[in-house]
Amino acid sequence: MGGRVIRIPGAAPGEMEPQMGNTTEIKAIGIGGIGCALLPFLCRYLQYSGERTRLTLIDGDHFERANAPRQAFTRLGNKAEVKARELAQEFEGMSLRAVPEYLTAANLHDLIREGDIVFLMVDNHASRHLVDGYATALRDLTLISGGNDYEDGNVQLYLRRAGRDLTPSLGRYHPEIAQPSDRSPAELSCEELMAAGAPQLLFTNLMVASLMLNAFYTLRLGSPGYGEVYLDIRQNLCRPVTRPG
C-alpha cells in the first residue's frame, strides 16, 4: 500500500503486508463524528466474527479540543493514528493500520483496491465524487457512504460486482456529488478548513453510523435490497430507497 502507512504496535501480525490472501480488506475513510461512533462496534464485531480482516483508517485531519462534543479521542494528534492505536489496545486480535493522509487523486489508487469494503465517512462532496468516480473503474468494490446535516442525512451503498453496478453510484441521483461545488480538505488551507466545518449533532452522527453498520451486516448475508437510506432523527425516520443501477 502506498502513502505513509503507520504500523500500530500491538496489532495482529501481518498488518504491513501489501495484500494478505483470504483476508477481507476494510478501509475507513474520514475518522470524525461518524467514524468515532462506528469503529468501536465494527471492531468488536470483526474481532469475534472469526473472519480474517484487516482494517485501515485513513484521515489527514488532526483532533482538536473543539471536536470533543461529538468525537472521542484520548489525545490530540492525527485522527487515523490516534484512533487506530486506541482500537489496537482494546481489540488485540485486530489487524489495524493508519494512513495519516487525506484521500487525493494521487494516493487513491494505492489506498482503495479491488475487492475492498470501504466505509466513506467524509463531510464533503468533493471527496465523495473522487471515490465514486474511481469506484466505477473497478470490477469489485463495496462502498458504504454516510453523511449528515444537523438532524438528517443519508447512507448510500454502491456495489460493483464483475464490472457491473448492482446499485447506483453515489452521484447517479445526487447532482451535488456528481458536480460538487466544494473542495476536498486536501485542497484547503488551515484557515479554510476551520471555516468549512458546519455544525453537526452527535445523535445524527450516531444514527448514520448505525445504518452504515446495518448495511454492512446485511451485505454479509446477501443483497440488502436497497441502495440508499434517508434518515431524520427529529422524526425518528429511517426510509430505505431502491433505484435502478
C-alpha atoms as a PDB file:
ATOM      1  CA  MET A   1       0.000   0.000   0.000  1.00  0.00           C
ATOM      2  CA  GLY A   2       1.305   3.439  -0.880  1.00  0.00           C
ATOM      3  CA  GLY A   3       1.211   6.510   1.306  1.00  0.00           C
ATOM      4  CA  ARG A   4       2.570   6.821   4.801  1.00  0.00           C
ATOM      5  CA  VAL A   5       1.285   3.646   6.432  1.00  0.00           C
ATOM      6  CA  ILE A   6       1.782   3.690  10.184  1.00  0.00           C
ATOM      7  CA  ARG A   7       2.294   0.368  11.928  1.00  0.00           C
ATOM      8  CA  ILE A   8       0.213   0.073  15.076  1.00  0.00           C
ATOM      9  CA  PRO A   9       2.117  -1.604  17.927  1.00  0.00           C
ATOM     10  CA  GLY A  10       0.150  -4.425  19.488  1.00  0.00           C
ATOM     11  CA  ALA A  11      -1.947  -5.077  16.396  1.00  0.00           C
ATOM     12  CA  ALA A  12      -2.117  -8.581  14.988  1.00  0.00           C
ATOM     13  CA  PRO A  13       0.841  -9.730  12.851  1.00  0.00           C
ATOM     14  CA  GLY A  14       0.895  -9.135   9.121  1.00  0.00           C
ATOM     15  CA  GLU A  15      -0.550  -5.635   9.049  1.00  0.00           C
ATOM     16  CA  MET A  16       2.315  -4.254   6.957  1.00  0.00           C
ATOM     17  CA  GLU A  17       1.997  -6.790   4.140  1.00  0.00           C
ATOM     18  CA  PRO A  18       0.701  -5.208   0.890  1.00  0.00           C
ATOM     19  CA  GLN A  19      -2.020  -7.831   0.448  1.00  0.00           C
ATOM     20  CA  MET A  20      -2.972 -10.857   2.555  1.00  0.00           C
ATOM     21  CA  GLY A  21      -4.646 -13.863   0.931  1.00  0.00           C
ATOM     22  CA  ASN A  22      -8.147 -14.779   2.133  1.00  0.00           C
ATOM     23  CA  THR A  23      -8.312 -11.539   4.085  1.00  0.00           C
ATOM     24  CA  THR A  24     -11.175  -9.058   3.916  1.00  0.00           C
ATOM     25  CA  GLU A  25      -9.670  -5.602   3.423  1.00  0.00           C
ATOM     26  CA  ILE A  26     -11.716  -2.833   5.038  1.00  0.00           C
ATOM     27  CA  LYS A  27     -10.912   0.862   4.598  1.00  0.00           C
ATOM     28  CA  ALA A  28     -12.401   3.530   6.870  1.00  0.00           C
ATOM     29  CA  ILE A  29     -12.063   6.992   5.324  1.00  0.00           C
ATOM     30  CA  GLY A  30     -12.803  10.024   7.495  1.00  0.00           C
ATOM     31  CA  ILE A  31     -12.414   9.494  11.241  1.00  0.00           C
ATOM     32  CA  GLY A  32     -14.736  12.192  12.532  1.00  0.00           C
ATOM     33  CA  GLY A  33     -18.075  12.089  14.322  1.00  0.00           C
ATOM     34  CA  ILE A  34     -19.461   9.181  12.296  1.00  0.00           C
ATOM     35  CA  GLY A  35     -16.163   7.294  12.350  1.00  0.00           C
ATOM     36  CA  CYS A  36     -15.789   7.586  16.118  1.00  0.00           C
ATOM     37  CA  ALA A  37     -19.293   6.175  16.580  1.00  0.00           C
ATOM     38  CA  LEU A  38     -18.882   3.383  14.030  1.00  0.00           C
ATOM     39  CA  LEU A  39     -15.372   1.991  14.503  1.00  0.00           C
ATOM     40  CA  PRO A  40     -15.533   0.521  18.042  1.00  0.00           C
ATOM     41  CA  PHE A  41     -18.638  -1.521  17.168  1.00  0.00           C
ATOM     42  CA  LEU A  42     -17.204  -2.577  13.809  1.00  0.00           C
ATOM     43  CA  CYS A  43     -14.001  -3.770  15.501  1.00  0.00           C
ATOM     44  CA  ARG A  44     -15.882  -5.659  18.206  1.00  0.00           C
ATOM     45  CA  TYR A  45     -17.946  -7.444  15.565  1.00  0.00           C
ATOM     46  CA  LEU A  46     -14.918  -8.258  13.406  1.00  0.00           C
ATOM     47  CA  GLN A  47     -12.756  -9.499  16.278  1.00  0.00           C
ATOM     48  CA  TYR A  48     -15.312 -12.093  17.321  1.00  0.00           C
ATOM     49  CA  SER A  49     -16.677 -12.944  13.858  1.00  0.00           C
ATOM     50  CA  GLY A  50     -13.921 -15.455  13.112  1.00  0.00           C
ATOM     51  CA  GLU A  51     -13.332 -13.783   9.756  1.00  0.00           C
ATOM     52  CA  ARG A  52      -9.798 -12.759   8.823  1.00  0.00           C
ATOM     53  CA  THR A  53      -9.869  -8.996   8.265  1.00  0.00           C
ATOM     54  CA  ARG A  54      -7.552  -6.019   8.103  1.00  0.00           C
ATOM     55  CA  LEU A  55      -8.811  -2.533   8.896  1.00  0.00           C
ATOM     56  CA  THR A  56      -7.084   0.606   7.597  1.00  0.00           C
ATOM     57  CA  LEU A  57      -8.024   4.039   8.943  1.00  0.00           C
ATOM     58  CA  ILE A  58      -7.416   6.971   6.575  1.00  0.00           C
ATOM     59  CA  ASP A  59      -7.577  10.652   7.528  1.00  0.00           C
ATOM     60  CA  GLY A  60      -5.236  13.625   7.275  1.00  0.00           C
ATOM     61  CA  ASP A  61      -7.060  15.688   9.893  1.00  0.00           C
ATOM     62  CA  HIS A  62      -5.955  16.257  13.491  1.00  0.00           C
ATOM     63  CA  PHE A  63      -8.140  16.021  16.576  1.00  0.00           C
ATOM     64  CA  GLU A  64      -8.526  19.266  18.490  1.00  0.00           C
ATOM     65  CA  ARG A  65     -10.403  20.137  21.679  1.00  0.00           C
ATOM     66  CA  ALA A  66     -13.097  21.850  19.615  1.00  0.00           C
ATOM     67  CA  ASN A  67     -14.024  18.430  18.167  1.00  0.00           C
ATOM     68  CA  ALA A  68     -14.735  16.905  21.590  1.00  0.00           C
ATOM     69  CA  PRO A  69     -18.542  17.460  21.677  1.00  0.00           C
ATOM     70  CA  ARG A  70     -19.052  14.702  19.060  1.00  0.00           C
ATOM     71  CA  GLN A  71     -15.672  12.973  18.567  1.00  0.00           C
ATOM     72  CA  ALA A  72     -13.980  10.612  21.037  1.00  0.00           C
ATOM     73  CA  PHE A  73     -10.171  10.605  21.150  1.00  0.00           C
ATOM     74  CA  THR A  74      -7.880  10.016  24.108  1.00  0.00           C
ATOM     75  CA  ARG A  75      -5.299  12.561  22.990  1.00  0.00           C
ATOM     76  CA  LEU A  76      -4.521  15.232  20.424  1.00  0.00           C
ATOM     77  CA  GLY A  77      -2.939  14.207  17.131  1.00  0.00           C
ATOM     78  CA  ASN A  78      -3.737  12.751  13.741  1.00  0.00           C
ATOM     79  CA  LYS A  79      -7.171  11.159  13.892  1.00  0.00           C
ATOM     80  CA  ALA A  80      -6.293   7.998  11.968  1.00  0.00           C
ATOM     81  CA  GLU A  81      -3.203   7.282  14.080  1.00  0.00           C
ATOM     82  CA  VAL A  82      -4.760   8.091  17.444  1.00  0.00           C
ATOM     83  CA  LYS A  83      -7.947   6.119  16.815  1.00  0.00           C
ATOM     84  CA  ALA A  84      -6.076   3.118  15.369  1.00  0.00           C
ATOM     85  CA  ARG A  85      -3.861   2.945  18.470  1.00  0.00           C
ATOM     86  CA  GLU A  86      -6.902   3.174  20.738  1.00  0.00           C
ATOM     87  CA  LEU A  87      -8.643   0.370  18.873  1.00  0.00           C
ATOM     88  CA  ALA A  88      -5.498  -1.798  18.873  1.00  0.00           C
ATOM     89  CA  GLN A  89      -5.334  -1.563  22.669  1.00  0.00           C
ATOM     90  CA  GLU A  90      -8.959  -2.610  23.091  1.00  0.00           C
ATOM     91  CA  PHE A  91      -9.146  -5.218  20.330  1.00  0.00           C
ATOM     92  CA  GLU A  92      -5.881  -7.143  20.442  1.00  0.00           C
ATOM     93  CA  GLY A  93      -6.924  -9.633  17.786  1.00  0.00           C
ATOM     94  CA  MET A  94      -7.487  -6.977  15.139  1.00  0.00           C
ATOM     95  CA  SER A  95      -5.068  -6.172  12.312  1.00  0.00           C
ATOM     96  CA  LEU A  96      -5.027  -2.369  12.168  1.00  0.00           C
ATOM     97  CA  ARG A  97      -3.226   0.255  10.147  1.00  0.00           C
ATOM     98  CA  ALA A  98      -3.391   4.034   9.917  1.00  0.00           C
ATOM     99  CA  VAL A  99      -2.719   6.299   6.950  1.00  0.00           C
ATOM    100  CA  PRO A 100      -2.437   9.923   8.208  1.00  0.00           C
ATOM    101  CA  GLU A 101      -3.314  11.493   4.862  1.00  0.00           C
ATOM    102  CA  TYR A 102      -6.341  12.942   3.140  1.00  0.00           C
ATOM    103  CA  LEU A 103      -7.601  10.977   0.183  1.00  0.00           C
ATOM    104  CA  THR A 104      -6.432  12.541  -3.096  1.00  0.00           C
ATOM    105  CA  ALA A 105      -6.216  11.633  -6.768  1.00  0.00           C
ATOM    106  CA  ALA A 106      -2.520  10.914  -6.190  1.00  0.00           C
ATOM    107  CA  ASN A 107      -2.943   8.290  -3.436  1.00  0.00           C
ATOM    108  CA  LEU A 108      -6.425   6.959  -4.240  1.00  0.00           C
ATOM    109  CA  HIS A 109      -5.179   4.070  -6.397  1.00  0.00           C
ATOM    110  CA  ASP A 110      -2.905   2.836  -3.606  1.00  0.00           C
ATOM    111  CA  LEU A 111      -5.423   3.165  -0.787  1.00  0.00           C
ATOM    112  CA  ILE A 112      -8.519   1.607  -2.394  1.00  0.00           C
ATOM    113  CA  ARG A 113      -8.153  -1.653  -4.284  1.00  0.00           C
ATOM    114  CA  GLU A 114     -10.191  -4.337  -5.972  1.00  0.00           C
ATOM    115  CA  GLY A 115     -12.418  -6.230  -3.563  1.00  0.00           C
ATOM    116  CA  ASP A 116     -12.161  -3.720  -0.712  1.00  0.00           C
ATOM    117  CA  ILE A 117     -15.003  -2.800   1.606  1.00  0.00           C
ATOM    118  CA  VAL A 118     -14.943   0.980   2.042  1.00  0.00           C
ATOM    119  CA  PHE A 119     -16.680   2.941   4.784  1.00  0.00           C
ATOM    120  CA  LEU A 120     -16.707   6.504   3.432  1.00  0.00           C
ATOM    121  CA  MET A 121     -17.459   8.953   6.270  1.00  0.00           C
ATOM    122  CA  VAL A 122     -16.238  12.283   4.896  1.00  0.00           C
ATOM    123  CA  ASP A 123     -18.018  15.613   5.231  1.00  0.00           C
ATOM    124  CA  ASN A 124     -17.574  16.983   1.712  1.00  0.00           C
ATOM    125  CA  HIS A 125     -18.960  16.136  -1.713  1.00  0.00           C
ATOM    126  CA  ALA A 126     -15.622  16.593  -3.489  1.00  0.00           C
ATOM    127  CA  SER A 127     -14.160  13.557  -1.706  1.00  0.00           C
ATOM    128  CA  ARG A 128     -17.323  11.535  -2.374  1.00  0.00           C
ATOM    129  CA  HIS A 129     -17.065  12.468  -6.057  1.00  0.00           C
ATOM    130  CA  LEU A 130     -13.416  11.393  -6.135  1.00  0.00           C
ATOM    131  CA  VAL A 131     -14.091   7.966  -4.632  1.00  0.00           C
ATOM    132  CA  ASP A 132     -17.270   7.483  -6.667  1.00  0.00           C
ATOM    133  CA  GLY A 133     -15.507   8.128  -9.958  1.00  0.00           C
ATOM    134  CA  TYR A 134     -12.661   5.789  -9.096  1.00  0.00           C
ATOM    135  CA  ALA A 135     -15.048   3.052  -7.973  1.00  0.00           C
ATOM    136  CA  THR A 136     -16.712   2.944 -11.398  1.00  0.00           C
ATOM    137  CA  ALA A 137     -13.408   1.752 -12.891  1.00  0.00           C
ATOM    138  CA  LEU A 138     -13.092  -1.200 -10.503  1.00  0.00           C
ATOM    139  CA  ARG A 139     -14.590  -4.633 -11.103  1.00  0.00           C
ATOM    140  CA  ASP A 140     -15.431  -5.393  -7.476  1.00  0.00           C
ATOM    141  CA  LEU A 141     -15.938  -2.953  -4.622  1.00  0.00           C
ATOM    142  CA  THR A 142     -18.302  -2.425  -1.709  1.00  0.00           C
ATOM    143  CA  LEU A 143     -18.733   1.264  -0.912  1.00  0.00           C
ATOM    144  CA  ILE A 144     -20.841   2.324   2.078  1.00  0.00           C
ATOM    145  CA  SER A 145     -21.043   6.100   2.276  1.00  0.00           C
ATOM    146  CA  GLY A 146     -22.687   8.042   5.095  1.00  0.00           C
ATOM    147  CA  GLY A 147     -23.151  11.736   5.749  1.00  0.00           C
ATOM    148  CA  ASN A 148     -25.453  14.128   7.503  1.00  0.00           C
ATOM    149  CA  ASP A 149     -26.533  17.688   8.113  1.00  0.00           C
ATOM    150  CA  TYR A 150     -27.609  18.701  11.600  1.00  0.00           C
ATOM    151  CA  GLU A 151     -30.682  16.494  12.071  1.00  0.00           C
ATOM    152  CA  ASP A 152     -30.940  14.465   8.874  1.00  0.00           C
ATOM    153  CA  GLY A 153     -28.712  12.572   6.494  1.00  0.00           C
ATOM    154  CA  ASN A 154     -28.354   9.529   4.277  1.00  0.00           C
ATOM    155  CA  VAL A 155     -26.415   6.321   3.730  1.00  0.00           C
ATOM    156  CA  GLN A 156     -25.587   5.056   0.228  1.00  0.00           C
ATOM    157  CA  LEU A 157     -24.489   1.599  -0.920  1.00  0.00           C
ATOM    158  CA  TYR A 158     -22.545   1.412  -4.160  1.00  0.00           C
ATOM    159  CA  LEU A 159     -21.889  -2.207  -5.098  1.00  0.00           C
ATOM    160  CA  ARG A 160     -19.668  -3.206  -8.035  1.00  0.00           C
ATOM    161  CA  ARG A 161     -19.572  -6.874  -8.957  1.00  0.00           C
ATOM    162  CA  ALA A 162     -17.778  -8.307 -12.010  1.00  0.00           C
ATOM    163  CA  GLY A 163     -17.604  -4.852 -13.538  1.00  0.00           C
ATOM    164  CA  ARG A 164     -21.338  -4.157 -13.158  1.00  0.00           C
ATOM    165  CA  ASP A 165     -23.275  -1.774 -10.935  1.00  0.00           C
ATOM    166  CA  LEU A 166     -25.654  -3.649  -8.656  1.00  0.00           C
ATOM    167  CA  THR A 167     -26.741  -0.372  -7.062  1.00  0.00           C
ATOM    168  CA  PRO A 168     -26.477   3.224  -8.309  1.00  0.00           C
ATOM    169  CA  SER A 169     -23.203   5.115  -7.954  1.00  0.00           C
ATOM    170  CA  LEU A 170     -23.110   7.885  -5.358  1.00  0.00           C
ATOM    171  CA  GLY A 171     -23.560  10.606  -7.954  1.00  0.00           C
ATOM    172  CA  ARG A 172     -26.157   8.873 -10.151  1.00  0.00           C
ATOM    173  CA  TYR A 173     -29.114  10.510  -8.394  1.00  0.00           C
ATOM    174  CA  HIS A 174     -27.199  13.169  -6.473  1.00  0.00           C
ATOM    175  CA  PRO A 175     -26.033  16.100  -8.621  1.00  0.00           C
ATOM    176  CA  GLU A 176     -24.343  17.667  -5.587  1.00  0.00           C
ATOM    177  CA  ILE A 177     -21.930  14.694  -5.659  1.00  0.00           C
ATOM    178  CA  ALA A 178     -21.699  14.363  -9.437  1.00  0.00           C
ATOM    179  CA  GLN A 179     -20.788  18.049  -9.718  1.00  0.00           C
ATOM    180  CA  PRO A 180     -19.515  19.151  -6.301  1.00  0.00           C
ATOM    181  CA  SER A 181     -19.273  22.836  -5.537  1.00  0.00           C
ATOM    182  CA  ASP A 182     -16.957  22.355  -2.568  1.00  0.00           C
ATOM    183  CA  ARG A 183     -13.323  21.207  -2.359  1.00  0.00           C
ATOM    184  CA  SER A 184     -11.661  18.319  -0.581  1.00  0.00           C
ATOM    185  CA  PRO A 185      -9.821  19.073   2.684  1.00  0.00           C
ATOM    186  CA  ALA A 186      -6.514  18.283   0.952  1.00  0.00           C
ATOM    187  CA  GLU A 187      -7.038  21.400  -1.169  1.00  0.00           C
ATOM    188  CA  LEU A 188      -7.874  23.762   1.695  1.00  0.00           C
ATOM    189  CA  SER A 189      -5.621  25.918   3.837  1.00  0.00           C
ATOM    190  CA  CYS A 190      -5.747  25.706   7.632  1.00  0.00           C
ATOM    191  CA  GLU A 191      -7.906  28.836   7.740  1.00  0.00           C
ATOM    192  CA  GLU A 192     -10.261  27.443   5.103  1.00  0.00           C
ATOM    193  CA  LEU A 193     -10.532  24.124   6.957  1.00  0.00           C
ATOM    194  CA  MET A 194     -11.572  25.901  10.151  1.00  0.00           C
ATOM    195  CA  ALA A 195     -14.190  27.953   8.283  1.00  0.00           C
ATOM    196  CA  ALA A 196     -15.525  24.985   6.275  1.00  0.00           C
ATOM    197  CA  GLY A 197     -16.825  22.949   9.202  1.00  0.00           C
ATOM    198  CA  ALA A 198     -20.635  23.055   9.514  1.00  0.00           C
ATOM    199  CA  PRO A 199     -22.290  22.391  12.893  1.00  0.00           C
ATOM    200  CA  GLN A 200     -23.232  18.750  13.413  1.00  0.00           C
ATOM    201  CA  LEU A 201     -25.068  16.826  16.093  1.00  0.00           C
ATOM    202  CA  LEU A 202     -23.668  13.763  17.845  1.00  0.00           C
ATOM    203  CA  PHE A 203     -27.000  11.935  17.747  1.00  0.00           C
ATOM    204  CA  THR A 204     -27.243  12.307  13.954  1.00  0.00           C
ATOM    205  CA  ASN A 205     -23.679  11.004  13.573  1.00  0.00           C
ATOM    206  CA  LEU A 206     -24.669   8.020  15.698  1.00  0.00           C
ATOM    207  CA  MET A 207     -27.724   7.190  13.594  1.00  0.00           C
ATOM    208  CA  VAL A 208     -25.698   7.383  10.365  1.00  0.00           C
ATOM    209  CA  ALA A 209     -23.051   5.080  11.882  1.00  0.00           C
ATOM    210  CA  SER A 210     -25.733   2.584  12.948  1.00  0.00           C
ATOM    211  CA  LEU A 211     -27.305   2.493   9.492  1.00  0.00           C
ATOM    212  CA  MET A 212     -23.896   2.003   7.874  1.00  0.00           C
ATOM    213  CA  LEU A 213     -23.212  -0.939  10.178  1.00  0.00           C
ATOM    214  CA  ASN A 214     -26.672  -2.335   9.472  1.00  0.00           C
ATOM    215  CA  ALA A 215     -25.882  -2.206   5.763  1.00  0.00           C
ATOM    216  CA  PHE A 216     -22.524  -3.895   6.314  1.00  0.00           C
ATOM    217  CA  TYR A 217     -24.129  -6.717   8.294  1.00  0.00           C
ATOM    218  CA  THR A 218     -26.902  -7.189   5.739  1.00  0.00           C
ATOM    219  CA  LEU A 219     -24.320  -7.398   2.957  1.00  0.00           C
ATOM    220  CA  ARG A 220     -22.599 -10.232   4.816  1.00  0.00           C
ATOM    221  CA  LEU A 221     -25.858 -12.174   4.487  1.00  0.00           C
ATOM    222  CA  GLY A 222     -26.629 -11.259   0.883  1.00  0.00           C
ATOM    223  CA  SER A 223     -28.120  -8.391  -1.093  1.00  0.00           C
ATOM    224  CA  PRO A 224     -29.704  -5.699   1.097  1.00  0.00           C
ATOM    225  CA  GLY A 225     -32.453  -4.904  -1.407  1.00  0.00           C
ATOM    226  CA  TYR A 226     -31.864  -1.138  -1.290  1.00  0.00           C
ATOM    227  CA  GLY A 227     -29.228   1.331  -2.416  1.00  0.00           C
ATOM    228  CA  GLU A 228     -29.863   4.264  -0.114  1.00  0.00           C
ATOM    229  CA  VAL A 229     -31.406   5.106   3.242  1.00  0.00           C
ATOM    230  CA  TYR A 230     -32.690   8.522   4.303  1.00  0.00           C
ATOM    231  CA  LEU A 231     -32.838   9.413   7.983  1.00  0.00           C
ATOM    232  CA  ASP A 232     -34.221  12.170  10.164  1.00  0.00           C
ATOM    233  CA  ILE A 233     -33.614  11.989  13.908  1.00  0.00           C
ATOM    234  CA  ARG A 234     -36.270  14.553  14.866  1.00  0.00           C
ATOM    235  CA  GLN A 235     -38.960  12.464  13.169  1.00  0.00           C
ATOM    236  CA  ASN A 236     -37.176   9.248  14.161  1.00  0.00           C
ATOM    237  CA  LEU A 237     -37.411   8.362  10.491  1.00  0.00           C
ATOM    238  CA  CYS A 238     -35.459   5.786   8.507  1.00  0.00           C
ATOM    239  CA  ARG A 239     -36.552   5.224   4.879  1.00  0.00           C
ATOM    240  CA  PRO A 240     -34.758   2.798   2.514  1.00  0.00           C
ATOM    241  CA  VAL A 241     -34.936   3.550  -1.225  1.00  0.00           C
ATOM    242  CA  THR A 242     -34.392   1.263  -4.210  1.00  0.00           C
ATOM    243  CA  ARG A 243     -33.464   2.790  -7.570  1.00  0.00           C
ATOM    244  CA  PRO A 244     -32.230   1.279 -10.846  1.00  0.00           C
ATOM    245  CA  GLY A 245     -28.446   0.938 -11.036  1.00  0.00           C
END
